[in-house]
Amino acid sequence: MLLASMLAAFAIRMVVVCFTYRSLPDADKFYEQFGWEMGWIARALASGHGFSSPYFPWSGPTALQPPLYPFILSIVFRLFGIYSLTSGFIILSINSLFSALTCIPVYFSAKYSLGASVGGIAAWVWAFYPFAIYFSAGRVWEYALTGLLFTTCFCIAQRINRTASPLAWLGWGALYGVAALSNPAVLSTLPFLLAVALYKVRRSGGRWVVNGALTTLAALAVLTPWTVRNYRALGILCPVRDNFWLEIYTDNFGNAYLDRTSPPSADGRPYPASSPAEMHKFLSLGEPAWLAQKHALAIYDLTHNPRPYFLALKTLRRILYFWSGYWSFSSEELRDQPFEPATVSYIGCITLLMLRGIRRLWRLNRTALLPYLVFIAAFPLTYYITHPMMDYRHPIEPEIIVLAIAGALPWRRLLQAQSTSLQVHESA
């Protein structure tokens, strides 16, 4: 069943790839659809300029994006041509493979929590899940790669407390480090998942201090080389990327009060890619000085013009958007996004089923529920204070789907599956 769901997932995504890859290499738009900053950095790597030039003009070294996906994309560029049609087809195919492989941790995560039958259903739902298809087969970005790595980390976190092998704890920490090199936001969940696992180990009399140290050191060991590279190339100390304060600056005070015309963006405070004036500043100052300026401006905003009611309201609207897809039904919004009402209805249903699944799993197995709560509570925090887009929540979509399935299935079937799962765990 698992293999069939994986093959079906890959086949579906490849059909979509055949319809989307030709639109990627558009020179008139500076190849924006071909990965935006990821693509521009990959172009620099493939051209011998190193990890640099996060925007279309050539510039110096950068840490605006995490390194893993641009390096993968640069290999495709070297082999099949920079911004070529063939490269577009290959990279979307690789994304589709990552997304199809995510059926594996989805299956085992659901199986561990709710039983093998629910695990099979979860794998098939992921195979046909519209967002999983679109964000892998239609977008050049790290979504599918991060989703695969992050879901695998979650799958390991569910059962890592059952092993005393130091290699297992080292491997888990190292995998978390690799996932962070794809999207550093995943690190927000590691302290909590590690704490849950170590609590279980301590209750069983295991070596919880040693295991915790091994996991932490392994994650740091993976992140350290890139941290050293950033310091040598840019003179800044950041483990993965250096754009946090840029996002705070552009998205907390950049929009008009109660702007109803667009999702959270940087209106009035544009990024260099969309503003010649800002691009001139970026090229003139260089990335470290330009980001230091944004950092100072963000601190000034927060200390001299805090407007707590405004910031609290924007944060609440971001939370609502993250879980419902709703930002505004204004005429301008609907003109730009005509399918938004349908999208909001769809996302809202998924969220409601997820909440129902949380309630049911709370009744069935609170221990199994705890890692899911960590994921859906900790991971979005970064986006609540910057800007939440539907693609940004993709790394936790597999867990959302498992909980939604728990909310959608008949209660009797869940009880039967959970009973079978407990019998398997007891006999293991």
Protein backbone atom coordinates (compact mmCIF):
# COMPACT_ATOMS: atom_id res chain seq x y z
CA MET A 1 0.00 0.00 0.00
CA LEU A 2 2.80 2.41 0.87
CA LEU A 3 4.68 1.77 -2.37
CA ALA A 4 1.50 2.18 -4.40
CA SER A 5 0.73 5.53 -2.75
CA MET A 6 4.28 6.74 -3.42
CA LEU A 7 4.12 5.74 -7.09
CA ALA A 8 0.72 7.37 -7.47
CA ALA A 9 1.96 10.54 -5.78
CA PHE A 10 4.95 10.77 -8.09
CA ALA A 11 2.88 10.06 -11.20
CA ILE A 12 0.33 12.74 -10.35
CA ARG A 13 3.01 15.31 -9.71
CA MET A 14 4.84 14.49 -12.92
CA VAL A 15 1.65 15.09 -14.90
CA VAL A 16 1.47 18.56 -13.34
CA VAL A 17 5.18 19.13 -14.05
CA CYS A 18 4.55 18.56 -17.75
CA PHE A 19 2.08 21.45 -17.72
CA THR A 20 4.10 23.88 -15.60
CA TYR A 21 7.82 23.62 -16.37
CA ARG A 22 7.68 25.61 -19.63
CA SER A 23 6.61 28.78 -17.81
CA LEU A 24 9.70 28.91 -15.58
CA PRO A 25 12.55 30.33 -17.75
CA ASP A 26 11.15 33.78 -18.58
CA ALA A 27 14.03 36.18 -19.27
CA ASP A 28 11.69 39.18 -19.55
CA LYS A 29 10.81 38.74 -15.86
CA PHE A 30 14.44 38.08 -14.88
CA TYR A 31 13.55 34.41 -14.29
CA GLU A 32 11.55 35.30 -11.18
CA GLN A 33 9.37 32.18 -11.36
CA PHE A 34 12.53 30.07 -11.51
CA GLY A 35 13.16 30.20 -7.80
CA TRP A 36 13.43 33.94 -7.16
CA GLU A 37 16.32 34.35 -4.66
CA MET A 38 16.97 30.61 -4.63
CA GLY A 39 17.33 30.61 -8.39
CA TRP A 40 19.53 33.69 -8.53
CA ILE A 41 21.89 32.22 -5.91
CA ALA A 42 21.95 28.90 -7.77
CA ARG A 43 22.80 30.81 -10.96
CA ALA A 44 25.74 32.43 -9.16
CA LEU A 45 26.96 29.06 -7.87
CA ALA A 46 26.70 27.47 -11.31
CA SER A 47 28.50 30.45 -12.87
CA GLY A 48 31.45 30.27 -10.49
CA HIS A 49 30.52 33.30 -8.35
CA GLY A 50 30.01 31.28 -5.18
CA PHE A 51 27.05 31.57 -2.84
CA SER A 52 26.17 35.14 -3.79
CA SER A 53 23.87 37.48 -5.71
CA PRO A 54 20.45 36.85 -4.11
CA TYR A 55 18.87 39.22 -6.64
CA PHE A 56 19.21 39.47 -10.39
CA PRO A 57 22.21 41.90 -10.53
CA TRP A 58 25.56 40.39 -9.62
CA SER A 59 26.54 41.25 -6.05
CA GLY A 60 28.68 39.89 -3.24
CA PRO A 61 28.33 36.93 -0.87
CA THR A 62 24.96 36.41 0.73
CA ALA A 63 23.24 34.70 3.64
CA LEU A 64 19.71 35.82 2.76
CA GLN A 65 18.68 32.24 1.97
CA PRO A 66 19.53 28.86 3.50
CA PRO A 67 22.11 26.93 1.48
CA LEU A 68 20.76 23.44 0.88
CA TYR A 69 18.22 23.98 -1.91
CA PRO A 70 20.28 26.54 -3.89
CA PHE A 71 23.16 24.06 -3.97
CA ILE A 72 20.86 21.33 -5.29
CA LEU A 73 19.45 23.72 -7.90
CA SER A 74 22.96 24.81 -8.90
CA ILE A 75 23.89 21.20 -9.65
CA VAL A 76 20.88 20.99 -11.96
CA PHE A 77 21.98 24.23 -13.63
CA ARG A 78 25.52 22.93 -14.14
CA LEU A 79 24.31 19.70 -15.70
CA PHE A 80 21.35 20.90 -17.77
CA GLY A 81 21.87 24.62 -18.31
CA ILE A 82 21.16 27.78 -16.33
CA TYR A 83 17.45 28.64 -16.54
CA SER A 84 16.93 26.12 -19.35
CA LEU A 85 13.69 24.27 -20.03
CA THR A 86 15.42 21.01 -19.23
CA SER A 87 16.58 22.36 -15.86
CA GLY A 88 13.04 23.46 -15.12
CA PHE A 89 11.70 19.99 -15.85
CA ILE A 90 14.46 18.31 -13.81
CA ILE A 91 14.15 20.46 -10.69
CA LEU A 92 10.35 20.18 -10.58
CA SER A 93 10.75 16.41 -11.03
CA ILE A 94 13.17 16.34 -8.09
CA ASN A 95 10.68 18.35 -6.02
CA SER A 96 7.98 15.86 -6.99
CA LEU A 97 10.18 12.98 -5.90
CA PHE A 98 10.79 14.63 -2.52
CA SER A 99 7.05 15.11 -2.10
CA ALA A 100 6.26 11.54 -3.10
CA LEU A 101 8.89 10.19 -0.68
CA THR A 102 7.16 12.15 2.10
CA CYS A 103 4.48 9.43 1.96
CA ILE A 104 6.94 7.27 3.93
CA PRO A 105 7.23 9.39 7.12
CA VAL A 106 3.55 10.35 6.80
CA TYR A 107 2.61 6.66 6.83
CA PHE A 108 4.82 5.76 9.78
CA SER A 109 3.84 8.84 11.78
CA ALA A 110 0.14 8.09 11.38
CA LYS A 111 0.72 4.39 11.99
CA TYR A 112 2.52 5.11 15.26
CA SER A 113 -0.27 7.40 16.49
CA LEU A 114 -3.41 5.84 15.08
CA GLY A 115 -2.61 2.42 13.63
CA ALA A 116 -1.53 0.90 10.33
CA SER A 117 -4.89 1.33 8.59
CA VAL A 118 -4.92 5.06 9.29
CA GLY A 119 -1.29 5.25 8.20
CA GLY A 120 -2.25 3.85 4.82
CA ILE A 121 -5.07 6.36 4.47
CA ALA A 122 -2.72 9.21 5.41
CA ALA A 123 -0.20 8.17 2.74
CA TRP A 124 -2.89 8.12 0.06
CA VAL A 125 -4.34 11.46 1.18
CA TRP A 126 -0.86 13.00 0.94
CA ALA A 127 -0.50 11.57 -2.55
CA PHE A 128 -3.59 13.50 -3.70
CA TYR A 129 -3.33 16.53 -1.40
CA PRO A 130 -3.63 19.64 -3.65
CA PHE A 131 -1.12 21.80 -1.77
CA ALA A 132 1.45 18.98 -1.74
CA ILE A 133 1.05 18.63 -5.50
CA TYR A 134 1.20 22.35 -6.27
CA PHE A 135 4.12 23.28 -4.01
CA SER A 136 6.26 20.46 -5.41
CA ALA A 137 5.27 20.23 -9.09
CA GLY A 138 4.58 23.91 -9.69
CA ARG A 139 7.03 25.91 -7.59
CA VAL A 140 10.83 26.10 -7.57
CA TRP A 141 11.53 26.47 -3.86
CA GLU A 142 12.53 24.35 -0.89
CA TYR A 143 9.00 23.38 0.23
CA ALA A 144 9.07 19.71 -0.78
CA LEU A 145 12.64 19.18 0.45
CA THR A 146 11.93 20.75 3.84
CA GLY A 147 8.67 18.83 4.11
CA LEU A 148 10.43 15.51 3.58
CA LEU A 149 13.26 16.25 6.02
CA PHE A 150 11.04 17.83 8.66
CA THR A 151 8.39 15.09 8.57
CA THR A 152 11.14 12.49 8.92
CA CYS A 153 12.46 14.37 11.97
CA PHE A 154 8.96 14.30 13.42
CA CYS A 155 8.58 10.58 12.69
CA ILE A 156 11.83 9.89 14.55
CA ALA A 157 10.81 12.17 17.43
CA GLN A 158 7.72 10.04 18.06
CA ARG A 159 9.78 6.96 18.91
CA ILE A 160 13.35 8.11 19.63
CA ASN A 161 12.79 7.65 23.36
CA ARG A 162 12.56 3.88 22.82
CA THR A 163 16.19 3.49 21.78
CA ALA A 164 19.34 3.76 23.86
CA SER A 165 21.63 3.80 20.84
CA PRO A 166 23.86 6.90 20.84
CA LEU A 167 24.00 6.73 17.03
CA ALA A 168 20.24 7.11 16.83
CA TRP A 169 20.27 10.28 18.92
CA LEU A 170 23.25 11.63 16.98
CA GLY A 171 21.52 10.87 13.69
CA TRP A 172 18.33 12.59 14.78
CA GLY A 173 20.22 15.74 15.73
CA ALA A 174 22.21 15.68 12.49
CA LEU A 175 19.04 15.28 10.43
CA TYR A 176 17.52 18.26 12.23
CA GLY A 177 20.62 20.26 11.33
CA VAL A 178 20.28 19.30 7.67
CA ALA A 179 16.58 20.27 7.73
CA ALA A 180 17.56 23.64 9.21
CA LEU A 181 19.94 24.20 6.29
CA SER A 182 16.85 23.89 4.10
CA ASN A 183 14.61 26.07 6.30
CA PRO A 184 15.89 27.33 9.68
CA ALA A 185 12.35 27.80 10.99
CA VAL A 186 12.27 24.06 11.74
CA LEU A 187 14.68 24.61 14.63
CA SER A 188 11.86 26.21 16.63
CA THR A 189 10.45 22.74 17.30
CA LEU A 190 13.66 20.92 18.25
CA PRO A 191 13.93 22.10 21.89
CA PHE A 192 10.33 21.08 22.59
CA LEU A 193 10.41 17.71 20.82
CA LEU A 194 13.75 16.95 22.45
CA ALA A 195 12.36 17.88 25.86
CA VAL A 196 9.38 15.55 25.37
CA ALA A 197 11.64 12.68 24.28
CA LEU A 198 14.08 13.22 27.15
CA TYR A 199 11.23 13.36 29.68
CA LYS A 200 10.10 9.92 28.49
CA VAL A 201 13.66 8.60 28.67
CA ARG A 202 14.10 9.94 32.19
CA ARG A 203 10.85 8.33 33.35
CA SER A 204 12.09 4.98 32.06
CA GLY A 205 15.46 5.39 33.76
CA GLY A 206 17.47 5.99 30.60
CA ARG A 207 20.47 8.26 29.95
CA TRP A 208 18.50 11.36 29.20
CA VAL A 209 21.34 13.86 29.79
CA VAL A 210 23.72 12.04 27.45
CA ASN A 211 21.06 11.59 24.78
CA GLY A 212 20.09 15.24 24.92
CA ALA A 213 23.70 16.33 24.66
CA LEU A 214 24.34 14.04 21.70
CA THR A 215 21.33 15.36 19.78
CA THR A 216 22.20 18.97 20.47
CA LEU A 217 25.87 18.57 19.59
CA ALA A 218 25.01 16.76 16.36
CA ALA A 219 22.67 19.56 15.24
CA LEU A 220 25.30 22.18 16.12
CA ALA A 221 27.99 20.23 14.29
CA VAL A 222 25.95 20.29 11.09
CA LEU A 223 25.21 24.02 11.40
CA THR A 224 28.69 25.14 12.45
CA PRO A 225 30.43 24.99 9.03
CA TRP A 226 27.82 27.25 7.45
CA THR A 227 27.97 29.60 10.44
CA VAL A 228 31.74 29.86 9.99
CA ARG A 229 31.28 30.47 6.27
CA ASN A 230 28.85 33.32 6.95
CA TYR A 231 31.24 34.93 9.39
CA ARG A 232 34.20 34.70 7.01
CA ALA A 233 32.26 35.86 3.94
CA LEU A 234 30.08 38.56 5.50
CA GLY A 235 31.49 39.32 8.93
CA ILE A 236 28.21 38.39 10.62
CA LEU A 237 27.41 35.67 13.13
CA CYS A 238 24.31 33.77 11.98
CA PRO A 239 23.82 30.00 11.83
CA VAL A 240 21.84 29.86 8.56
CA ARG A 241 20.37 33.11 7.21
CA ASP A 242 20.47 36.78 8.16
CA ASN A 243 17.12 38.23 7.06
CA PHE A 244 15.06 38.08 10.28
CA TRP A 245 15.16 41.80 11.05
CA LEU A 246 14.52 42.62 7.42
CA GLU A 247 11.23 40.74 7.66
CA ILE A 248 10.37 42.47 10.93
CA TYR A 249 11.04 45.86 9.33
CA THR A 250 9.13 45.30 6.12
CA ASP A 251 6.09 43.53 7.52
CA ASN A 252 5.27 45.10 10.87
CA PHE A 253 5.14 48.77 9.90
CA GLY A 254 5.33 48.53 6.13
CA ASN A 255 1.60 48.23 5.42
CA ALA A 256 -1.12 50.81 5.86
CA TYR A 257 -3.25 50.35 8.94
CA LEU A 258 -5.84 47.62 8.38
CA ASP A 259 -4.78 47.25 4.76
CA ARG A 260 -7.45 45.14 3.07
CA THR A 261 -5.96 45.00 -0.41
CA SER A 262 -3.38 42.25 -0.10
CA PRO A 263 -1.99 39.51 2.11
CA PRO A 264 0.86 40.53 4.44
CA SER A 265 3.56 42.10 2.29
CA ALA A 266 6.00 44.98 2.31
CA ASP A 267 3.89 47.74 0.76
CA GLY A 268 5.78 50.99 1.24
CA ARG A 269 8.89 49.05 2.23
CA PRO A 270 9.72 46.99 -0.83
CA TYR A 271 12.39 44.38 -1.29
CA PRO A 272 15.20 45.08 -3.77
CA ALA A 273 13.70 42.66 -6.31
CA SER A 274 10.64 44.88 -6.71
CA SER A 275 12.17 48.35 -6.27
CA PRO A 276 14.99 49.90 -8.33
CA ALA A 277 15.63 52.43 -5.54
CA GLU A 278 15.96 49.71 -2.92
CA MET A 279 18.11 47.65 -5.26
CA HIS A 280 20.45 50.64 -5.65
CA LYS A 281 20.76 50.86 -1.85
CA PHE A 282 21.45 47.14 -1.60
CA LEU A 283 24.17 47.25 -4.24
CA SER A 284 25.72 50.45 -2.89
CA LEU A 285 25.87 49.41 0.77
CA GLY A 286 26.41 45.69 0.37
CA GLU A 287 24.32 43.06 2.09
CA PRO A 288 25.74 43.29 5.67
CA ALA A 289 25.45 47.11 5.86
CA TRP A 290 22.05 47.11 4.16
CA LEU A 291 20.68 44.53 6.60
CA ALA A 292 22.24 46.37 9.55
CA GLN A 293 20.35 49.46 8.42
CA LYS A 294 17.06 47.51 8.33
CA HIS A 295 17.83 46.07 11.76
CA ALA A 296 18.33 49.56 13.18
CA LEU A 297 15.15 50.84 11.54
CA ALA A 298 13.14 47.90 12.88
CA ILE A 299 14.41 48.52 16.42
CA TYR A 300 13.57 52.20 16.04
CA ASP A 301 10.05 51.32 14.95
CA LEU A 302 9.53 49.01 17.89
CA THR A 303 10.92 51.42 20.48
CA HIS A 304 9.75 54.81 19.21
CA ASN A 305 6.54 53.91 17.41
CA PRO A 306 5.42 50.65 18.95
CA ARG A 307 1.63 51.07 18.58
CA PRO A 308 0.98 47.85 20.55
CA TYR A 309 -2.69 47.67 19.51
CA PHE A 310 -1.73 47.83 15.84
CA LEU A 311 0.99 45.16 16.19
CA ALA A 312 -1.28 42.90 18.24
CA LEU A 313 -4.04 43.22 15.66
CA LYS A 314 -1.67 42.46 12.79
CA THR A 315 -0.34 39.42 14.66
CA LEU A 316 -3.86 38.12 15.24
CA ARG A 317 -4.66 38.64 11.56
CA ARG A 318 -1.54 36.70 10.60
CA ILE A 319 -2.58 33.82 12.86
CA LEU A 320 -6.04 33.83 11.30
CA TYR A 321 -4.52 33.89 7.82
CA PHE A 322 -2.12 31.05 8.60
CA TRP A 323 -4.95 28.73 9.63
CA SER A 324 -7.78 29.91 7.38
CA GLY A 325 -6.22 31.57 4.34
CA TYR A 326 -8.40 34.64 4.98
CA TRP A 327 -6.95 38.12 4.86
CA SER A 328 -9.53 40.19 3.04
CA PHE A 329 -12.51 39.84 0.72
CA SER A 330 -12.13 43.37 -0.60
CA SER A 331 -12.82 44.02 -4.28
CA GLU A 332 -9.10 44.57 -4.91
CA GLU A 333 -8.22 41.30 -3.23
CA LEU A 334 -10.83 39.32 -5.13
CA ARG A 335 -9.73 40.88 -8.40
CA ASP A 336 -6.15 39.71 -7.78
CA GLN A 337 -7.14 36.41 -6.13
CA PRO A 338 -10.52 35.34 -7.60
CA PHE A 339 -10.31 31.87 -6.04
CA GLU A 340 -9.67 33.13 -2.53
CA PRO A 341 -13.19 32.40 -1.16
CA ALA A 342 -12.91 28.78 -2.31
CA THR A 343 -9.37 28.56 -0.89
CA VAL A 344 -10.52 29.95 2.45
CA SER A 345 -13.36 27.43 2.58
CA TYR A 346 -10.99 24.58 1.80
CA ILE A 347 -8.29 25.60 4.28
CA GLY A 348 -10.91 26.35 6.91
CA CYS A 349 -12.34 22.84 6.58
CA ILE A 350 -8.89 21.29 6.91
CA THR A 351 -8.23 23.34 10.05
CA LEU A 352 -11.58 22.42 11.61
CA LEU A 353 -10.95 18.74 10.92
CA MET A 354 -7.47 19.14 12.41
CA LEU A 355 -8.94 20.62 15.60
CA ARG A 356 -11.46 17.80 15.78
CA GLY A 357 -8.63 15.33 15.29
CA ILE A 358 -6.70 16.94 18.15
CA ARG A 359 -9.72 16.54 20.41
CA ARG A 360 -10.15 12.91 19.42
CA LEU A 361 -6.49 12.03 19.81
CA TRP A 362 -6.55 13.73 23.20
CA ARG A 363 -9.20 11.20 24.22
CA LEU A 364 -7.44 8.26 22.59
CA ASN A 365 -3.75 8.78 23.28
CA ARG A 366 -2.49 12.02 24.82
CA THR A 367 1.11 10.86 24.70
CA ALA A 368 0.89 10.39 20.93
CA LEU A 369 -0.77 13.80 20.54
CA LEU A 370 1.95 15.80 22.30
CA PRO A 371 4.48 15.88 19.39
CA TYR A 372 1.73 17.07 17.03
CA LEU A 373 0.85 19.91 19.39
CA VAL A 374 4.52 20.91 19.53
CA PHE A 375 4.67 21.06 15.74
CA ILE A 376 1.54 23.12 15.15
CA ALA A 377 2.24 25.42 18.11
CA ALA A 378 5.97 26.12 17.74
CA PHE A 379 6.67 26.10 14.01
CA PRO A 380 4.37 28.99 12.96
CA LEU A 381 5.68 31.42 15.60
CA THR A 382 8.27 32.89 13.23
CA TYR A 383 5.60 33.62 10.65
CA TYR A 384 3.14 35.06 13.14
CA ILE A 385 5.55 37.95 13.75
CA THR A 386 6.70 38.38 10.13
CA HIS A 387 4.34 37.24 7.38
CA PRO A 388 2.42 33.99 6.91
CA MET A 389 1.80 32.61 3.45
CA MET A 390 0.18 29.29 2.61
CA ASP A 391 3.43 27.91 1.23
CA TYR A 392 5.25 28.75 4.47
CA ARG A 393 3.17 26.27 6.44
CA HIS A 394 3.92 23.43 4.02
CA PRO A 395 6.58 21.80 6.27
CA ILE A 396 3.87 20.95 8.84
CA GLU A 397 1.16 20.05 6.32
CA PRO A 398 1.81 16.29 6.72
CA GLU A 399 1.05 16.49 10.46
CA ILE A 400 -1.97 18.68 9.76
CA ILE A 401 -3.25 16.05 7.33
CA VAL A 402 -2.82 13.21 9.84
CA LEU A 403 -4.78 15.14 12.47
CA ALA A 404 -7.44 16.09 9.90
CA ILE A 405 -7.85 12.42 9.00
CA ALA A 406 -8.30 11.64 12.68
CA GLY A 407 -11.05 14.24 12.70
CA ALA A 408 -12.74 12.95 9.55
CA LEU A 409 -12.81 9.19 10.11
CA PRO A 410 -15.70 7.53 11.97
CA TRP A 411 -15.04 7.30 15.69
CA ARG A 412 -15.54 3.53 15.74
CA ARG A 413 -12.87 3.04 13.09
CA LEU A 414 -10.42 5.19 15.06
CA LEU A 415 -11.06 3.15 18.20
CA GLN A 416 -10.46 -0.09 16.30
CA ALA A 417 -7.26 1.22 14.68
CA GLN A 418 -5.99 2.58 18.01
CA SER A 419 -6.68 -0.72 19.75
CA THR A 420 -4.73 -2.61 17.10
CA SER A 421 -1.88 -0.09 17.37
CA LEU A 422 -1.65 -0.49 21.15
CA GLN A 423 -1.51 -4.28 20.81
CA VAL A 424 1.36 -3.98 18.33
CA HIS A 425 3.25 -1.55 20.62
CA GLU A 426 2.80 -3.83 23.64
CA SER A 427 4.07 -6.87 21.76
CA ALA A 428 7.08 -4.96 20.32
